[in-house]
C-alpha atoms as a PDB file:
ATOM      1  CA  MET A   1      55.393 145.612  50.443  1.00  0.00           C
ATOM      2  CA  LYS A   2      54.983 147.421  53.986  1.00  0.00           C
ATOM      3  CA  ALA A   3      54.582 143.853  55.436  1.00  0.00           C
ATOM      4  CA  ALA A   4      57.940 142.824  53.901  1.00  0.00           C
ATOM      5  CA  VAL A   5      59.600 146.046  54.729  1.00  0.00           C
ATOM      6  CA  SER A   6      58.399 145.600  58.272  1.00  0.00           C
ATOM      7  CA  VAL A   7      60.042 142.143  58.287  1.00  0.00           C
ATOM      8  CA  VAL A   8      63.201 143.438  57.210  1.00  0.00           C
ATOM      9  CA  SER A   9      63.276 145.988  59.826  1.00  0.00           C
ATOM     10  CA  CYS A  10      62.656 143.486  62.600  1.00  0.00           C
ATOM     11  CA  VAL A  11      65.229 141.237  61.396  1.00  0.00           C
ATOM     12  CA  VAL A  12      67.818 143.800  61.105  1.00  0.00           C
ATOM     13  CA  MET A  13      66.863 145.355  64.629  1.00  0.00           C
ATOM     14  CA  LEU A  14      67.276 141.791  66.014  1.00  0.00           C
ATOM     15  CA  ILE A  15      70.800 141.158  64.441  1.00  0.00           C
ATOM     16  CA  ILE A  16      71.983 144.784  65.187  1.00  0.00           C
ATOM     17  CA  GLY A  17      70.186 145.035  68.725  1.00  0.00           C
ATOM     18  CA  ALA A  18      71.716 141.827  70.029  1.00  0.00           C
ATOM     19  CA  PRO A  19      75.381 142.771  70.660  1.00  0.00           C
ATOM     20  CA  LEU A  20      74.480 146.103  71.607  1.00  0.00           C
ATOM     21  CA  ALA A  21      72.362 144.913  74.545  1.00  0.00           C
ATOM     22  CA  GLY A  22      73.892 146.093  77.744  1.00  0.00           C
ATOM     23  CA  ALA A  23      73.938 143.252  80.043  1.00  0.00           C
ATOM     24  CA  ALA A  24      73.821 143.516  83.718  1.00  0.00           C
ATOM     25  CA  PRO A  25      74.209 139.712  84.923  1.00  0.00           C
ATOM     26  CA  VAL A  26      72.191 138.833  87.986  1.00  0.00           C
ATOM     27  CA  LEU A  27      72.927 135.726  90.075  1.00  0.00           C
ATOM     28  CA  VAL A  28      69.718 133.815  91.335  1.00  0.00           C
ATOM     29  CA  ASN A  29      68.919 130.576  93.093  1.00  0.00           C
ATOM     30  CA  ASN A  30      65.226 130.037  91.791  1.00  0.00           C
ATOM     31  CA  PRO A  31      65.274 126.997  89.676  1.00  0.00           C
ATOM     32  CA  ALA A  32      61.741 128.117  88.236  1.00  0.00           C
ATOM     33  CA  LEU A  33      63.122 130.918  86.360  1.00  0.00           C
ATOM     34  CA  PHE A  34      64.982 128.185  84.178  1.00  0.00           C
ATOM     35  CA  ALA A  35      62.001 125.956  83.469  1.00  0.00           C
ATOM     36  CA  ASP A  36      62.065 127.197  79.855  1.00  0.00           C
ATOM     37  CA  ALA A  37      65.734 126.590  79.209  1.00  0.00           C
ATOM     38  CA  ASN A  38      66.311 125.014  75.727  1.00  0.00           C
ATOM     39  CA  ARG A  39      69.444 123.020  76.758  1.00  0.00           C
ATOM     40  CA  SER A  40      70.111 120.309  79.453  1.00  0.00           C
ATOM     41  CA  ILE A  41      73.258 118.519  80.408  1.00  0.00           C
ATOM     42  CA  ASN A  42      73.454 115.839  83.250  1.00  0.00           C
ATOM     43  CA  PHE A  43      76.566 114.371  82.080  1.00  0.00           C
ATOM     44  CA  GLU A  44      75.370 110.703  82.621  1.00  0.00           C
ATOM     45  CA  ASP A  45      75.709 110.197  78.942  1.00  0.00           C
ATOM     46  CA  ILE A  46      79.434 110.058  79.444  1.00  0.00           C
ATOM     47  CA  ALA A  47      80.602 106.491  80.007  1.00  0.00           C
ATOM     48  CA  VAL A  48      82.981 106.336  83.045  1.00  0.00           C
ATOM     49  CA  ALA A  49      84.487 103.003  84.341  1.00  0.00           C
ATOM     50  CA  PRO A  50      84.180 102.680  88.317  1.00  0.00           C
ATOM     51  CA  GLY A  51      87.049 104.456  89.857  1.00  0.00           C
ATOM     52  CA  ASP A  52      87.997 106.188  86.462  1.00  0.00           C
ATOM     53  CA  THR A  53      87.450 109.816  85.422  1.00  0.00           C
ATOM     54  CA  VAL A  54      86.881 111.207  81.851  1.00  0.00           C
ATOM     55  CA  ALA A  55      87.998 114.592  80.830  1.00  0.00           C
ATOM     56  CA  ILE A  56      85.299 117.048  79.703  1.00  0.00           C
ATOM     57  CA  THR A  57      85.935 119.507  77.040  1.00  0.00           C
ATOM     58  CA  ASN A  58      83.848 119.812  73.946  1.00  0.00           C
ATOM     59  CA  GLN A  59      81.672 116.705  74.321  1.00  0.00           C
ATOM     60  CA  TYR A  60      78.752 119.076  74.375  1.00  0.00           C
ATOM     61  CA  ALA A  61      79.618 121.303  71.428  1.00  0.00           C
ATOM     62  CA  GLY A  62      76.661 120.104  69.647  1.00  0.00           C
ATOM     63  CA  LEU A  63      74.530 121.627  72.389  1.00  0.00           C
ATOM     64  CA  ASN A  64      76.382 125.022  72.067  1.00  0.00           C
ATOM     65  CA  LEU A  65      78.508 124.546  75.275  1.00  0.00           C
ATOM     66  CA  VAL A  66      82.267 123.913  75.632  1.00  0.00           C
ATOM     67  CA  PHE A  67      83.939 123.650  79.002  1.00  0.00           C
ATOM     68  CA  SER A  68      87.310 124.785  80.129  1.00  0.00           C
ATOM     69  CA  PRO A  69      90.197 122.095  80.046  1.00  0.00           C
ATOM     70  CA  GLY A  70      90.864 120.233  83.205  1.00  0.00           C
ATOM     71  CA  LEU A  71      87.237 119.271  84.281  1.00  0.00           C
ATOM     72  CA  HIS A  72      86.537 115.749  84.676  1.00  0.00           C
ATOM     73  CA  THR A  73      83.597 113.350  85.212  1.00  0.00           C
ATOM     74  CA  ASP A  74      83.334 111.211  88.256  1.00  0.00           C
ATOM     75  CA  THR A  75      80.886 108.654  89.592  1.00  0.00           C
ATOM     76  CA  ALA A  76      82.322 107.932  93.059  1.00  0.00           C
ATOM     77  CA  PHE A  77      80.955 110.323  95.653  1.00  0.00           C
ATOM     78  CA  PRO A  78      79.947 108.125  98.315  1.00  0.00           C
ATOM     79  CA  PRO A  79      79.400 111.004 100.884  1.00  0.00           C
ATOM     80  CA  LEU A  80      76.834 112.422  98.703  1.00  0.00           C
ATOM     81  CA  ALA A  81      74.808 109.252  98.354  1.00  0.00           C
ATOM     82  CA  PRO A  82      71.900 109.062  97.441  1.00  0.00           C
ATOM     83  CA  ALA A  83      71.921 112.448  96.068  1.00  0.00           C
ATOM     84  CA  VAL A  84      74.263 111.906  93.385  1.00  0.00           C
ATOM     85  CA  LEU A  85      75.155 108.081  93.575  1.00  0.00           C
ATOM     86  CA  GLY A  86      75.469 106.853  89.971  1.00  0.00           C
ATOM     87  CA  ALA A  87      75.262 110.309  88.401  1.00  0.00           C
ATOM     88  CA  VAL A  88      78.196 111.685  86.492  1.00  0.00           C
ATOM     89  CA  SER A  89      79.276 115.269  87.665  1.00  0.00           C
ATOM     90  CA  ALA A  90      81.593 117.749  86.152  1.00  0.00           C
ATOM     91  CA  SER A  91      84.258 118.471  89.131  1.00  0.00           C
ATOM     92  CA  ASN A  92      87.312 120.430  89.595  1.00  0.00           C
ATOM     93  CA  GLY A  93      88.223 118.409  92.679  1.00  0.00           C
ATOM     94  CA  ASP A  94      91.694 117.150  91.675  1.00  0.00           C
ATOM     95  CA  PRO A  95      94.490 118.695  93.766  1.00  0.00           C
ATOM     96  CA  GLY A  96      96.086 121.549  92.144  1.00  0.00           C
ATOM     97  CA  CYS A  97      93.845 121.062  89.192  1.00  0.00           C
ATOM     98  CA  CYS A  98      91.811 124.036  88.470  1.00  0.00           C
ATOM     99  CA  PRO A  99      90.289 126.303  90.918  1.00  0.00           C
ATOM    100  CA  SER A 100      87.798 127.518  88.243  1.00  0.00           C
ATOM    101  CA  ILE A 101      85.184 126.320  85.777  1.00  0.00           C
ATOM    102  CA  THR A 102      84.521 128.157  82.562  1.00  0.00           C
ATOM    103  CA  MET A 103      81.512 127.500  80.253  1.00  0.00           C
ATOM    104  CA  ASN A 104      81.942 128.857  76.761  1.00  0.00           C
ATOM    105  CA  PHE A 105      78.527 129.117  74.905  1.00  0.00           C
ATOM    106  CA  ILE A 106      79.189 128.859  71.216  1.00  0.00           C
ATOM    107  CA  GLY A 107      77.140 129.777  68.123  1.00  0.00           C
ATOM    108  CA  GLY A 108      75.565 132.961  69.593  1.00  0.00           C
ATOM    109  CA  GLY A 109      76.142 132.948  73.287  1.00  0.00           C
ATOM    110  CA  ALA A 110      73.490 132.240  75.957  1.00  0.00           C
ATOM    111  CA  THR A 111      70.741 134.450  77.871  1.00  0.00           C
ATOM    112  CA  LYS A 112      70.824 132.276  81.140  1.00  0.00           C
ATOM    113  CA  VAL A 113      72.445 129.363  82.715  1.00  0.00           C
ATOM    114  CA  GLY A 114      71.679 127.306  86.067  1.00  0.00           C
ATOM    115  CA  PHE A 115      73.413 124.346  87.629  1.00  0.00           C
ATOM    116  CA  ASP A 116      73.622 122.282  90.883  1.00  0.00           C
ATOM    117  CA  LEU A 117      76.696 122.997  92.869  1.00  0.00           C
ATOM    118  CA  ILE A 118      78.242 121.085  95.729  1.00  0.00           C
ATOM    119  CA  SER A 119      81.534 121.937  97.666  1.00  0.00           C
ATOM    120  CA  LEU A 120      83.712 119.131  98.528  1.00  0.00           C
ATOM    121  CA  ASP A 121      86.393 121.241 100.417  1.00  0.00           C
ATOM    122  CA  GLN A 122      86.006 122.775 103.706  1.00  0.00           C
ATOM    123  CA  ALA A 123      87.947 125.701 102.376  1.00  0.00           C
ATOM    124  CA  VAL A 124      85.476 126.385  99.420  1.00  0.00           C
ATOM    125  CA  THR A 125      82.859 128.361 101.107  1.00  0.00           C
ATOM    126  CA  ALA A 126      82.335 131.095  98.473  1.00  0.00           C
ATOM    127  CA  ILE A 127      82.687 130.911  94.618  1.00  0.00           C
ATOM    128  CA  ASP A 128      82.710 133.942  92.630  1.00  0.00           C
ATOM    129  CA  VAL A 129      80.632 134.082  89.275  1.00  0.00           C
ATOM    130  CA  TYR A 130      81.513 136.085  86.380  1.00  0.00           C
ATOM    131  CA  THR A 131      80.173 136.583  82.790  1.00  0.00           C
ATOM    132  CA  ILE A 132      82.007 137.393  79.713  1.00  0.00           C
ATOM    133  CA  LEU A 133      80.667 139.064  76.688  1.00  0.00           C
ATOM    134  CA  GLY A 134      82.824 140.343  73.875  1.00  0.00           C
ATOM    135  CA  GLY A 135      85.969 139.764  76.156  1.00  0.00           C
ATOM    136  CA  VAL A 136      84.741 142.001  78.843  1.00  0.00           C
ATOM    137  CA  SER A 137      84.200 140.331  82.114  1.00  0.00           C
ATOM    138  CA  THR A 138      81.588 141.441  84.499  1.00  0.00           C
ATOM    139  CA  PHE A 139      81.057 140.163  88.206  1.00  0.00           C
ATOM    140  CA  ALA A 140      77.587 138.555  88.854  1.00  0.00           C
ATOM    141  CA  GLY A 141      77.707 137.783  92.494  1.00  0.00           C
ATOM    142  CA  THR A 142      79.110 135.392  94.988  1.00  0.00           C
ATOM    143  CA  VAL A 143      77.936 131.782  95.386  1.00  0.00           C
ATOM    144  CA  VAL A 144      77.687 130.810  99.115  1.00  0.00           C
ATOM    145  CA  ALA A 145      78.647 126.946  99.126  1.00  0.00           C
ATOM    146  CA  ASP A 146      77.510 124.765 101.903  1.00  0.00           C
ATOM    147  CA  THR A 147      80.218 122.753 103.283  1.00  0.00           C
ATOM    148  CA  GLY A 148      78.001 119.913 104.729  1.00  0.00           C
ATOM    149  CA  LEU A 149      77.883 118.576 101.088  1.00  0.00           C
ATOM    150  CA  GLU A 150      74.302 120.181 100.558  1.00  0.00           C
ATOM    151  CA  ILE A 151      73.282 120.370  96.784  1.00  0.00           C
ATOM    152  CA  LYS A 152      72.407 123.915  95.955  1.00  0.00           C
ATOM    153  CA  PHE A 153      70.851 125.259  92.717  1.00  0.00           C
ATOM    154  CA  PHE A 154      72.265 128.596  91.252  1.00  0.00           C
ATOM    155  CA  GLY A 155      71.754 130.423  88.222  1.00  0.00           C
ATOM    156  CA  VAL A 156      72.757 133.633  86.038  1.00  0.00           C
ATOM    157  CA  LEU A 157      70.667 135.708  83.979  1.00  0.00           C
ATOM    158  CA  ALA A 158      72.337 137.724  81.568  1.00  0.00           C
ATOM    159  CA  ASP A 159      70.010 140.571  82.454  1.00  0.00           C
ATOM    160  CA  ALA A 160      66.693 140.304  84.458  1.00  0.00           C
ATOM    161  CA  LEU A 161      65.228 143.230  82.664  1.00  0.00           C
ATOM    162  CA  ASP A 162      66.405 142.586  79.189  1.00  0.00           C
ATOM    163  CA  PRO A 163      65.369 139.143  77.727  1.00  0.00           C
ATOM    164  CA  GLY A 164      67.639 140.071  74.622  1.00  0.00           C
ATOM    165  CA  ALA A 165      70.790 140.134  76.640  1.00  0.00           C
ATOM    166  CA  LYS A 166      73.331 137.533  76.552  1.00  0.00           C
ATOM    167  CA  PHE A 167      76.851 136.379  77.605  1.00  0.00           C
ATOM    168  CA  ASP A 168      79.481 134.418  75.819  1.00  0.00           C
ATOM    169  CA  SER A 169      80.895 132.566  78.678  1.00  0.00           C
ATOM    170  CA  ILE A 170      80.690 132.402  82.366  1.00  0.00           C
ATOM    171  CA  MET A 171      83.324 131.411  84.855  1.00  0.00           C
ATOM    172  CA  LEU A 172      83.144 129.982  88.488  1.00  0.00           C
ATOM    173  CA  THR A 173      86.165 130.615  90.565  1.00  0.00           C
ATOM    174  CA  THR A 174      87.557 130.034  94.183  1.00  0.00           C
ATOM    175  CA  LEU A 175      89.997 132.542  93.484  1.00  0.00           C
ATOM    176  CA  LEU A 176      92.587 130.258  95.269  1.00  0.00           C
ATOM    177  CA  ALA A 177      96.302 130.147  94.718  1.00  0.00           C
ATOM    178  CA  PRO A 178      97.706 128.053  91.961  1.00  0.00           C
ATOM    179  CA  GLY A 179      98.522 124.561  93.332  1.00  0.00           C
ATOM    180  CA  VAL A 180      96.006 124.824  96.138  1.00  0.00           C
ATOM    181  CA  GLN A 181      93.632 122.133  96.620  1.00  0.00           C
ATOM    182  CA  SER A 182      90.003 122.641  95.922  1.00  0.00           C
ATOM    183  CA  GLY A 183      86.954 120.881  94.917  1.00  0.00           C
ATOM    184  CA  PHE A 184      83.306 121.603  93.894  1.00  0.00           C
ATOM    185  CA  ILE A 185      81.032 119.639  91.581  1.00  0.00           C
ATOM    186  CA  MET A 186      78.771 121.132  88.975  1.00  0.00           C
ATOM    187  CA  ASP A 187      75.945 119.006  87.696  1.00  0.00           C
ATOM    188  CA  ASN A 188      72.429 119.088  85.881  1.00  0.00           C
ATOM    189  CA  VAL A 189      73.324 122.106  83.719  1.00  0.00           C
ATOM    190  CA  VAL A 190      70.426 124.075  82.038  1.00  0.00           C
ATOM    191  CA  PHE A 191      70.580 127.000  79.820  1.00  0.00           C
ATOM    192  CA  THR A 192      69.182 129.055  76.987  1.00  0.00           C
ATOM    193  CA  ALA A 193      71.386 129.157  73.858  1.00  0.00           C
ATOM    194  CA  VAL A 194      70.668 131.784  71.359  1.00  0.00           C
ATOM    195  CA  PRO A 195      71.112 131.671  67.713  1.00  0.00           C
ATOM    196  CA  GLU A 196      74.235 133.463  66.110  1.00  0.00           C
ATOM    197  CA  PRO A 197      73.492 136.502  63.887  1.00  0.00           C
ATOM    198  CA  ALA A 198      73.961 134.487  60.681  1.00  0.00           C
ATOM    199  CA  SER A 199      71.108 132.212  61.742  1.00  0.00           C
ATOM    200  CA  LEU A 200      68.812 135.103  62.496  1.00  0.00           C
ATOM    201  CA  ALA A 201      69.723 136.535  58.886  1.00  0.00           C
ATOM    202  CA  LEU A 202      68.878 133.233  57.428  1.00  0.00           C
ATOM    203  CA  LEU A 203      65.661 133.115  59.348  1.00  0.00           C
ATOM    204  CA  GLY A 204      64.936 136.694  57.795  1.00  0.00           C
ATOM    205  CA  THR A 205      65.494 135.497  54.242  1.00  0.00           C
ATOM    206  CA  GLY A 206      63.293 132.769  54.785  1.00  0.00           C
ATOM    207  CA  ILE A 207      60.502 134.842  56.206  1.00  0.00           C
ATOM    208  CA  LEU A 208      60.940 137.165  53.058  1.00  0.00           C
ATOM    209  CA  GLY A 209      60.624 134.339  50.676  1.00  0.00           C
ATOM    210  CA  LEU A 210      57.535 133.315  52.201  1.00  0.00           C
ATOM    211  CA  ALA A 211      56.049 136.808  52.000  1.00  0.00           C
ATOM    212  CA  ALA A 212      57.189 137.075  48.172  1.00  0.00           C
ATOM    213  CA  LYS A 213      55.415 133.743  47.433  1.00  0.00           C
ATOM    214  CA  ALA A 214      52.142 134.810  49.389  1.00  0.00           C
ATOM    215  CA  ARG A 215      52.307 138.107  47.201  1.00  0.00           C
ATOM    216  CA  ARG A 216      52.613 136.126  44.031  1.00  0.00           C
ATOM    217  CA  ALA A 217      49.828 133.749  45.086  1.00  0.00           C
ATOM    218  CA  ARG A 218      47.565 137.086  45.721  1.00  0.00           C
ATOM    219  CA  ARG A 219      48.480 138.321  42.165  1.00  0.00           C
ATOM    220  CA  GLY A 220      47.616 135.016  40.829  1.00  0.00           C
ATOM    221  CA  ARG A 221      44.018 135.281  42.228  1.00  0.00           C
ATOM    222  CA  ALA A 222      43.547 138.904  41.261  1.00  0.00           C
END
C-alpha cells in the first residue's frame, strides 16, 4: 500500500509541479547540451521543386512543433554552398514577409530547443530571443548573427538549473519595422518535447495498475 501511495504522490507532484516551475530561460551556443534532444527536424523531407518554395506551418505537428505563418522552405542558397547546398531550410527571407520566427511546442511544451542560424542580410546582425510560457513572454538573450554567411548553432534552455522547467513557444525576432526586408535561415532544429499533464496522468494510472497486479500476485502466492 505504501508503494502505491508513493507512486501516486510522485505522479501528482509531476502533474502539479510542471506548470509551477519558475523558468529562467538561458541562451547558449553549445550543441553538446542538446545531444539528448528527443526531436529532430532538418526540413529535407519537404519536397521543393527547384526555384520554388513551400510554406511551413504544421508539417511537423506530429513532432509537437508548429511554426508561425509566413515561413517557407528553399533549396537555392548558392552563397552558402557547400554548407547547405541541397538542404531545405526554414527562412523568413522574403521582403516584408516576417521579421520573426515563432515555434509553438504543442502537447506539453519543451524544455530546450537548438538550431543552426544563418543571416542573409547585412542589416540583420542581432536577433532577440524570447520564450513564452502561459502567455507570458520572457527575454532569453540576443543572438549575434554573422553577416559573412557563417552557420552558427544556438539554443535555449527553459532553465539551466531546473530540468523540469519548460516553455510553450520561442520567438526569434529582428525587431525591424513592418515591411522592412530581412532574411535569416533556421535549420537543423533539435528540441526536447515534454508530455502534457494528461499523458502523465495516464502513465500514473498504468503504474498503479501494475502495482495492483503485483499485489494480487503476492497474495496468490501467500
